[in-house]
Amino acid sequence: MTLEEVRAIAKTYGIAPGKLPKPGLIKLVQRSEGNFDCFATAENGECDQSSCLWRDDCFDAAQQKGEPS
């Protein structure tokens, strides 16, 4: 999902996206949805939230976060 798509979703929850990075913005949306703000925290590709809108991006971000610099 692109940052612009995430910003559009955030606006539907009354969140002003400003210059927030994608992970931070997604976490705000997750909290607004009443969910855990767990974006990019999936370890070993495991997550029990199978219907999460952010699932694919989450796995990608978690993998990138875990790669050595």
PDB file of N, CA and C in Angstrom:
ATOM      1  N   MET A   1       0.853  -1.167   0.000  1.00  0.00           N
ATOM      2  CA  MET A   1       0.000   0.000   0.000  1.00  0.00           C
ATOM      3  C   MET A   1       0.901   1.233   0.000  1.00  0.00           C
ATOM      4  N   THR A   2       0.552   2.179  -0.819  1.00  0.00           N
ATOM      5  CA  THR A   2       1.369   3.385  -0.903  1.00  0.00           C
ATOM      6  C   THR A   2       1.098   4.311   0.280  1.00  0.00           C
ATOM      7  N   LEU A   3       2.027   5.227   0.492  1.00  0.00           N
ATOM      8  CA  LEU A   3       1.858   6.206   1.571  1.00  0.00           C
ATOM      9  C   LEU A   3       0.621   7.054   1.323  1.00  0.00           C
ATOM     10  N   GLU A   4       0.352   7.387   0.084  1.00  0.00           N
ATOM     11  CA  GLU A   4      -0.841   8.184  -0.231  1.00  0.00           C
ATOM     12  C   GLU A   4      -2.121   7.419   0.129  1.00  0.00           C
ATOM     13  N   GLU A   5      -2.149   6.123  -0.118  1.00  0.00           N
ATOM     14  CA  GLU A   5      -3.310   5.310   0.247  1.00  0.00           C
ATOM     15  C   GLU A   5      -3.474   5.265   1.766  1.00  0.00           C
ATOM     16  N   VAL A   6      -2.361   5.149   2.482  1.00  0.00           N
ATOM     17  CA  VAL A   6      -2.408   5.138   3.945  1.00  0.00           C
ATOM     18  C   VAL A   6      -2.902   6.483   4.464  1.00  0.00           C
ATOM     19  N   ARG A   7      -2.416   7.559   3.863  1.00  0.00           N
ATOM     20  CA  ARG A   7      -2.880   8.900   4.265  1.00  0.00           C
ATOM     21  C   ARG A   7      -4.381   9.060   4.057  1.00  0.00           C
ATOM     22  N   ALA A   8      -4.895   8.548   2.944  1.00  0.00           N
ATOM     23  CA  ALA A   8      -6.335   8.636   2.669  1.00  0.00           C
ATOM     24  C   ALA A   8      -7.130   7.869   3.716  1.00  0.00           C
ATOM     25  N   ILE A   9      -6.652   6.701   4.098  1.00  0.00           N
ATOM     26  CA  ILE A   9      -7.327   5.909   5.127  1.00  0.00           C
ATOM     27  C   ILE A   9      -7.273   6.637   6.461  1.00  0.00           C
ATOM     28  N   ALA A  10      -6.122   7.213   6.777  1.00  0.00           N
ATOM     29  CA  ALA A  10      -5.971   7.952   8.037  1.00  0.00           C
ATOM     30  C   ALA A  10      -6.977   9.093   8.114  1.00  0.00           C
ATOM     31  N   LYS A  11      -7.157   9.788   7.016  1.00  0.00           N
ATOM     32  CA  LYS A  11      -8.092  10.914   7.003  1.00  0.00           C
ATOM     33  C   LYS A  11      -9.516  10.465   7.300  1.00  0.00           C
ATOM     34  N   THR A  12      -9.880   9.237   6.896  1.00  0.00           N
ATOM     35  CA  THR A  12     -11.235   8.748   7.193  1.00  0.00           C
ATOM     36  C   THR A  12     -11.429   8.545   8.688  1.00  0.00           C
ATOM     37  N   TYR A  13     -10.337   8.429   9.442  1.00  0.00           N
ATOM     38  CA  TYR A  13     -10.406   8.294  10.900  1.00  0.00           C
ATOM     39  C   TYR A  13     -10.174   9.629  11.601  1.00  0.00           C
ATOM     40  N   GLY A  14     -10.106  10.699  10.824  1.00  0.00           N
ATOM     41  CA  GLY A  14      -9.903  12.014  11.411  1.00  0.00           C
ATOM     42  C   GLY A  14      -8.468  12.281  11.821  1.00  0.00           C
ATOM     43  N   ILE A  15      -7.544  11.522  11.263  1.00  0.00           N
ATOM     44  CA  ILE A  15      -6.127  11.685  11.580  1.00  0.00           C
ATOM     45  C   ILE A  15      -5.497  12.585  10.520  1.00  0.00           C
ATOM     46  N   ALA A  16      -4.835  13.631  10.964  1.00  0.00           N
ATOM     47  CA  ALA A  16      -4.097  14.506  10.053  1.00  0.00           C
ATOM     48  C   ALA A  16      -2.719  13.890   9.849  1.00  0.00           C
ATOM     49  N   PRO A  17      -2.444  13.364   8.669  1.00  0.00           N
ATOM     50  CA  PRO A  17      -1.203  12.625   8.449  1.00  0.00           C
ATOM     51  C   PRO A  17       0.073  13.441   8.588  1.00  0.00           C
ATOM     52  N   GLY A  18       0.003  14.729   8.259  1.00  0.00           N
ATOM     53  CA  GLY A  18       1.206  15.547   8.353  1.00  0.00           C
ATOM     54  C   GLY A  18       2.365  14.905   7.616  1.00  0.00           C
ATOM     55  N   LYS A  19       3.512  14.883   8.259  1.00  0.00           N
ATOM     56  CA  LYS A  19       4.710  14.296   7.652  1.00  0.00           C
ATOM     57  C   LYS A  19       5.091  12.984   8.328  1.00  0.00           C
ATOM     58  N   LEU A  20       4.131  12.349   8.973  1.00  0.00           N
ATOM     59  CA  LEU A  20       4.423  11.083   9.639  1.00  0.00           C
ATOM     60  C   LEU A  20       4.902  10.042   8.635  1.00  0.00           C
ATOM     61  N   PRO A  21       5.878   9.238   9.026  1.00  0.00           N
ATOM     62  CA  PRO A  21       6.286   8.144   8.148  1.00  0.00           C
ATOM     63  C   PRO A  21       5.197   7.077   8.113  1.00  0.00           C
ATOM     64  N   LYS A  22       5.229   6.259   7.097  1.00  0.00           N
ATOM     65  CA  LYS A  22       4.203   5.241   6.888  1.00  0.00           C
ATOM     66  C   LYS A  22       3.980   4.352   8.120  1.00  0.00           C
ATOM     67  N   PRO A  23       5.028   3.805   8.746  1.00  0.00           N
ATOM     68  CA  PRO A  23       4.779   2.938   9.912  1.00  0.00           C
ATOM     69  C   PRO A  23       4.071   3.657  11.058  1.00  0.00           C
ATOM     70  N   GLY A  24       4.488   4.876  11.343  1.00  0.00           N
ATOM     71  CA  GLY A  24       3.856   5.635  12.419  1.00  0.00           C
ATOM     72  C   GLY A  24       2.401   5.954  12.126  1.00  0.00           C
ATOM     73  N   LEU A  25       2.125   6.281  10.892  1.00  0.00           N
ATOM     74  CA  LEU A  25       0.765   6.596  10.485  1.00  0.00           C
ATOM     75  C   LEU A  25      -0.127   5.358  10.567  1.00  0.00           C
ATOM     76  N   ILE A  26       0.389   4.238  10.120  1.00  0.00           N
ATOM     77  CA  ILE A  26      -0.380   2.993  10.195  1.00  0.00           C
ATOM     78  C   ILE A  26      -0.679   2.645  11.652  1.00  0.00           C
ATOM     79  N   LYS A  27       0.284   2.842  12.541  1.00  0.00           N
ATOM     80  CA  LYS A  27       0.052   2.545  13.957  1.00  0.00           C
ATOM     81  C   LYS A  27      -1.046   3.443  14.538  1.00  0.00           C
ATOM     82  N   LEU A  28      -1.088   4.700  14.122  1.00  0.00           N
ATOM     83  CA  LEU A  28      -2.170   5.582  14.580  1.00  0.00           C
ATOM     84  C   LEU A  28      -3.524   5.088  14.081  1.00  0.00           C
ATOM     85  N   VAL A  29      -3.570   4.651  12.834  1.00  0.00           N
ATOM     86  CA  VAL A  29      -4.818   4.123  12.289  1.00  0.00           C
ATOM     87  C   VAL A  29      -5.218   2.858  13.040  1.00  0.00           C
ATOM     88  N   GLN A  30      -4.259   1.983  13.320  1.00  0.00           N
ATOM     89  CA  GLN A  30      -4.562   0.757  14.060  1.00  0.00           C
ATOM     90  C   GLN A  30      -5.201   1.084  15.411  1.00  0.00           C
ATOM     91  N   ARG A  31      -4.651   2.063  16.122  1.00  0.00           N
ATOM     92  CA  ARG A  31      -5.227   2.452  17.418  1.00  0.00           C
ATOM     93  C   ARG A  31      -6.622   3.026  17.235  1.00  0.00           C
ATOM     94  N   SER A  32      -6.811   3.826  16.182  1.00  0.00           N
ATOM     95  CA  SER A  32      -8.126   4.409  15.901  1.00  0.00           C
ATOM     96  C   SER A  32      -9.161   3.339  15.578  1.00  0.00           C
ATOM     97  N   GLU A  33      -8.701   2.232  14.993  1.00  0.00           N
ATOM     98  CA  GLU A  33      -9.582   1.106  14.676  1.00  0.00           C
ATOM     99  C   GLU A  33      -9.932   0.285  15.921  1.00  0.00           C
ATOM    100  N   GLY A  34      -9.222   0.559  17.030  1.00  0.00           N
ATOM    101  CA  GLY A  34      -9.428  -0.222  18.242  1.00  0.00           C
ATOM    102  C   GLY A  34      -8.567  -1.469  18.284  1.00  0.00           C
ATOM    103  N   ASN A  35      -7.517  -1.484  17.455  1.00  0.00           N
ATOM    104  CA  ASN A  35      -6.612  -2.628  17.396  1.00  0.00           C
ATOM    105  C   ASN A  35      -5.284  -2.306  18.062  1.00  0.00           C
ATOM    106  N   PHE A  36      -4.462  -3.334  18.233  1.00  0.00           N
ATOM    107  CA  PHE A  36      -3.107  -3.126  18.715  1.00  0.00           C
ATOM    108  C   PHE A  36      -2.324  -2.383  17.641  1.00  0.00           C
ATOM    109  N   ASP A  37      -1.416  -1.523  18.058  1.00  0.00           N
ATOM    110  CA  ASP A  37      -0.568  -0.815  17.095  1.00  0.00           C
ATOM    111  C   ASP A  37       0.718  -1.626  16.900  1.00  0.00           C
ATOM    112  N   CYS A  38       0.551  -2.729  16.203  1.00  0.00           N
ATOM    113  CA  CYS A  38       1.612  -3.723  16.090  1.00  0.00           C
ATOM    114  C   CYS A  38       2.312  -3.736  14.733  1.00  0.00           C
ATOM    115  N   PHE A  39       2.080  -2.747  13.899  1.00  0.00           N
ATOM    116  CA  PHE A  39       2.648  -2.747  12.555  1.00  0.00           C
ATOM    117  C   PHE A  39       4.159  -2.937  12.585  1.00  0.00           C
ATOM    118  N   ALA A  40       4.645  -3.837  11.742  1.00  0.00           N
ATOM    119  CA  ALA A  40       6.075  -4.132  11.555  1.00  0.00           C
ATOM    120  C   ALA A  40       6.709  -4.841  12.750  1.00  0.00           C
ATOM    121  N   THR A  41       5.889  -5.473  13.572  1.00  0.00           N
ATOM    122  CA  THR A  41       6.440  -6.198  14.721  1.00  0.00           C
ATOM    123  C   THR A  41       6.326  -7.709  14.571  1.00  0.00           C
ATOM    124  N   ALA A  42       5.821  -8.189  13.446  1.00  0.00           N
ATOM    125  CA  ALA A  42       5.685  -9.631  13.225  1.00  0.00           C
ATOM    126  C   ALA A  42       7.073 -10.263  13.200  1.00  0.00           C
ATOM    127  N   GLU A  43       7.276 -11.240  14.043  1.00  0.00           N
ATOM    128  CA  GLU A  43       8.566 -11.916  14.083  1.00  0.00           C
ATOM    129  C   GLU A  43       8.461 -13.257  13.372  1.00  0.00           C
ATOM    130  N   ASN A  44       9.449 -13.561  12.581  1.00  0.00           N
ATOM    131  CA  ASN A  44       9.500 -14.829  11.847  1.00  0.00           C
ATOM    132  C   ASN A  44       8.290 -15.018  10.944  1.00  0.00           C
ATOM    133  N   GLY A  45       7.715 -13.930  10.464  1.00  0.00           N
ATOM    134  CA  GLY A  45       6.568 -14.021   9.563  1.00  0.00           C
ATOM    135  C   GLY A  45       5.329 -14.586  10.210  1.00  0.00           C
ATOM    136  N   GLU A  46       5.205 -14.418  11.522  1.00  0.00           N
ATOM    137  CA  GLU A  46       4.057 -14.954  12.250  1.00  0.00           C
ATOM    138  C   GLU A  46       3.195 -13.829  12.791  1.00  0.00           C
ATOM    139  N   CYS A  47       1.884 -13.977  12.563  1.00  0.00           N
ATOM    140  CA  CYS A  47       0.916 -13.011  13.058  1.00  0.00           C
ATOM    141  C   CYS A  47      -0.447 -13.681  13.095  1.00  0.00           C
ATOM    142  N   ASP A  48      -1.187 -13.486  14.176  1.00  0.00           N
ATOM    143  CA  ASP A  48      -2.505 -14.113  14.290  1.00  0.00           C
ATOM    144  C   ASP A  48      -3.638 -13.228  13.764  1.00  0.00           C
ATOM    145  N   GLN A  49      -3.303 -12.064  13.221  1.00  0.00           N
ATOM    146  CA  GLN A  49      -4.308 -11.136  12.701  1.00  0.00           C
ATOM    147  C   GLN A  49      -4.475 -11.351  11.191  1.00  0.00           C
ATOM    148  N   SER A  50      -5.131 -12.424  10.821  1.00  0.00           N
ATOM    149  CA  SER A  50      -5.201 -12.816   9.411  1.00  0.00           C
ATOM    150  C   SER A  50      -6.031 -11.866   8.542  1.00  0.00           C
ATOM    151  N   SER A  51      -6.922 -11.089   9.125  1.00  0.00           N
ATOM    152  CA  SER A  51      -7.744 -10.183   8.324  1.00  0.00           C
ATOM    153  C   SER A  51      -7.261  -8.735   8.383  1.00  0.00           C
ATOM    154  N   CYS A  52      -6.074  -8.525   8.887  1.00  0.00           N
ATOM    155  CA  CYS A  52      -5.532  -7.173   9.027  1.00  0.00           C
ATOM    156  C   CYS A  52      -5.276  -6.540   7.657  1.00  0.00           C
ATOM    157  N   LEU A  53      -5.712  -5.315   7.501  1.00  0.00           N
ATOM    158  CA  LEU A  53      -5.533  -4.567   6.266  1.00  0.00           C
ATOM    159  C   LEU A  53      -4.058  -4.343   5.942  1.00  0.00           C
ATOM    160  N   TRP A  54      -3.236  -4.308   6.944  1.00  0.00           N
ATOM    161  CA  TRP A  54      -1.822  -3.956   6.794  1.00  0.00           C
ATOM    162  C   TRP A  54      -0.909  -5.176   6.721  1.00  0.00           C
ATOM    163  N   ARG A  55      -1.461  -6.359   6.728  1.00  0.00           N
ATOM    164  CA  ARG A  55      -0.701  -7.604   6.886  1.00  0.00           C
ATOM    165  C   ARG A  55       0.499  -7.729   5.931  1.00  0.00           C
ATOM    166  N   ASP A  56       0.292  -7.585   4.647  1.00  0.00           N
ATOM    167  CA  ASP A  56       1.392  -7.754   3.693  1.00  0.00           C
ATOM    168  C   ASP A  56       2.487  -6.718   3.906  1.00  0.00           C
ATOM    169  N   ASP A  57       2.083  -5.454   4.057  1.00  0.00           N
ATOM    170  CA  ASP A  57       3.064  -4.394   4.307  1.00  0.00           C
ATOM    171  C   ASP A  57       3.775  -4.621   5.637  1.00  0.00           C
ATOM    172  N   CYS A  58       3.052  -5.131   6.604  1.00  0.00           N
ATOM    173  CA  CYS A  58       3.613  -5.387   7.927  1.00  0.00           C
ATOM    174  C   CYS A  58       4.748  -6.404   7.853  1.00  0.00           C
ATOM    175  N   PHE A  59       4.493  -7.505   7.159  1.00  0.00           N
ATOM    176  CA  PHE A  59       5.529  -8.531   7.033  1.00  0.00           C
ATOM    177  C   PHE A  59       6.757  -7.980   6.311  1.00  0.00           C
ATOM    178  N   ASP A  60       6.526  -7.216   5.247  1.00  0.00           N
ATOM    179  CA  ASP A  60       7.643  -6.617   4.513  1.00  0.00           C
ATOM    180  C   ASP A  60       8.456  -5.673   5.411  1.00  0.00           C
ATOM    181  N   ALA A  61       7.763  -4.824   6.145  1.00  0.00           N
ATOM    182  CA  ALA A  61       8.437  -3.848   7.015  1.00  0.00           C
ATOM    183  C   ALA A  61       9.166  -4.544   8.152  1.00  0.00           C
ATOM    184  N   ALA A  62       8.578  -5.589   8.720  1.00  0.00           N
ATOM    185  CA  ALA A  62       9.220  -6.320   9.810  1.00  0.00           C
ATOM    186  C   ALA A  62      10.478  -7.005   9.309  1.00  0.00           C
ATOM    187  N   GLN A  63      10.426  -7.542   8.106  1.00  0.00           N
ATOM    188  CA  GLN A  63      11.586  -8.220   7.542  1.00  0.00           C
ATOM    189  C   GLN A  63      12.715  -7.212   7.292  1.00  0.00           C
ATOM    190  N   GLN A  64      12.372  -6.063   6.738  1.00  0.00           N
ATOM    191  CA  GLN A  64      13.378  -5.036   6.478  1.00  0.00           C
ATOM    192  C   GLN A  64      13.993  -4.517   7.767  1.00  0.00           C
ATOM    193  N   LYS A  65      13.155  -4.409   8.790  1.00  0.00           N
ATOM    194  CA  LYS A  65      13.619  -3.926  10.086  1.00  0.00           C
ATOM    195  C   LYS A  65      14.629  -4.889  10.709  1.00  0.00           C
ATOM    196  N   GLY A  66      14.424  -6.182  10.448  1.00  0.00           N
ATOM    197  CA  GLY A  66      15.279  -7.205  11.028  1.00  0.00           C
ATOM    198  C   GLY A  66      16.544  -7.488  10.259  1.00  0.00           C
ATOM    199  N   GLU A  67      16.667  -6.913   9.053  1.00  0.00           N
ATOM    200  CA  GLU A  67      17.871  -7.143   8.256  1.00  0.00           C
ATOM    201  C   GLU A  67      19.019  -6.330   8.800  1.00  0.00           C
ATOM    202  N   PRO A  68      20.221  -6.914   8.780  1.00  0.00           N
ATOM    203  CA  PRO A  68      21.384  -6.158   9.256  1.00  0.00           C
ATOM    204  C   PRO A  68      21.684  -4.980   8.342  1.00  0.00           C
ATOM    205  N   SER A  69      22.130  -3.906   8.924  1.00  0.00           N
ATOM    206  CA  SER A  69      22.432  -2.682   8.144  1.00  0.00           C
ATOM    207  C   SER A  69      23.789  -2.757   7.495  1.00  0.00           C
TER     208      SER A  69
END
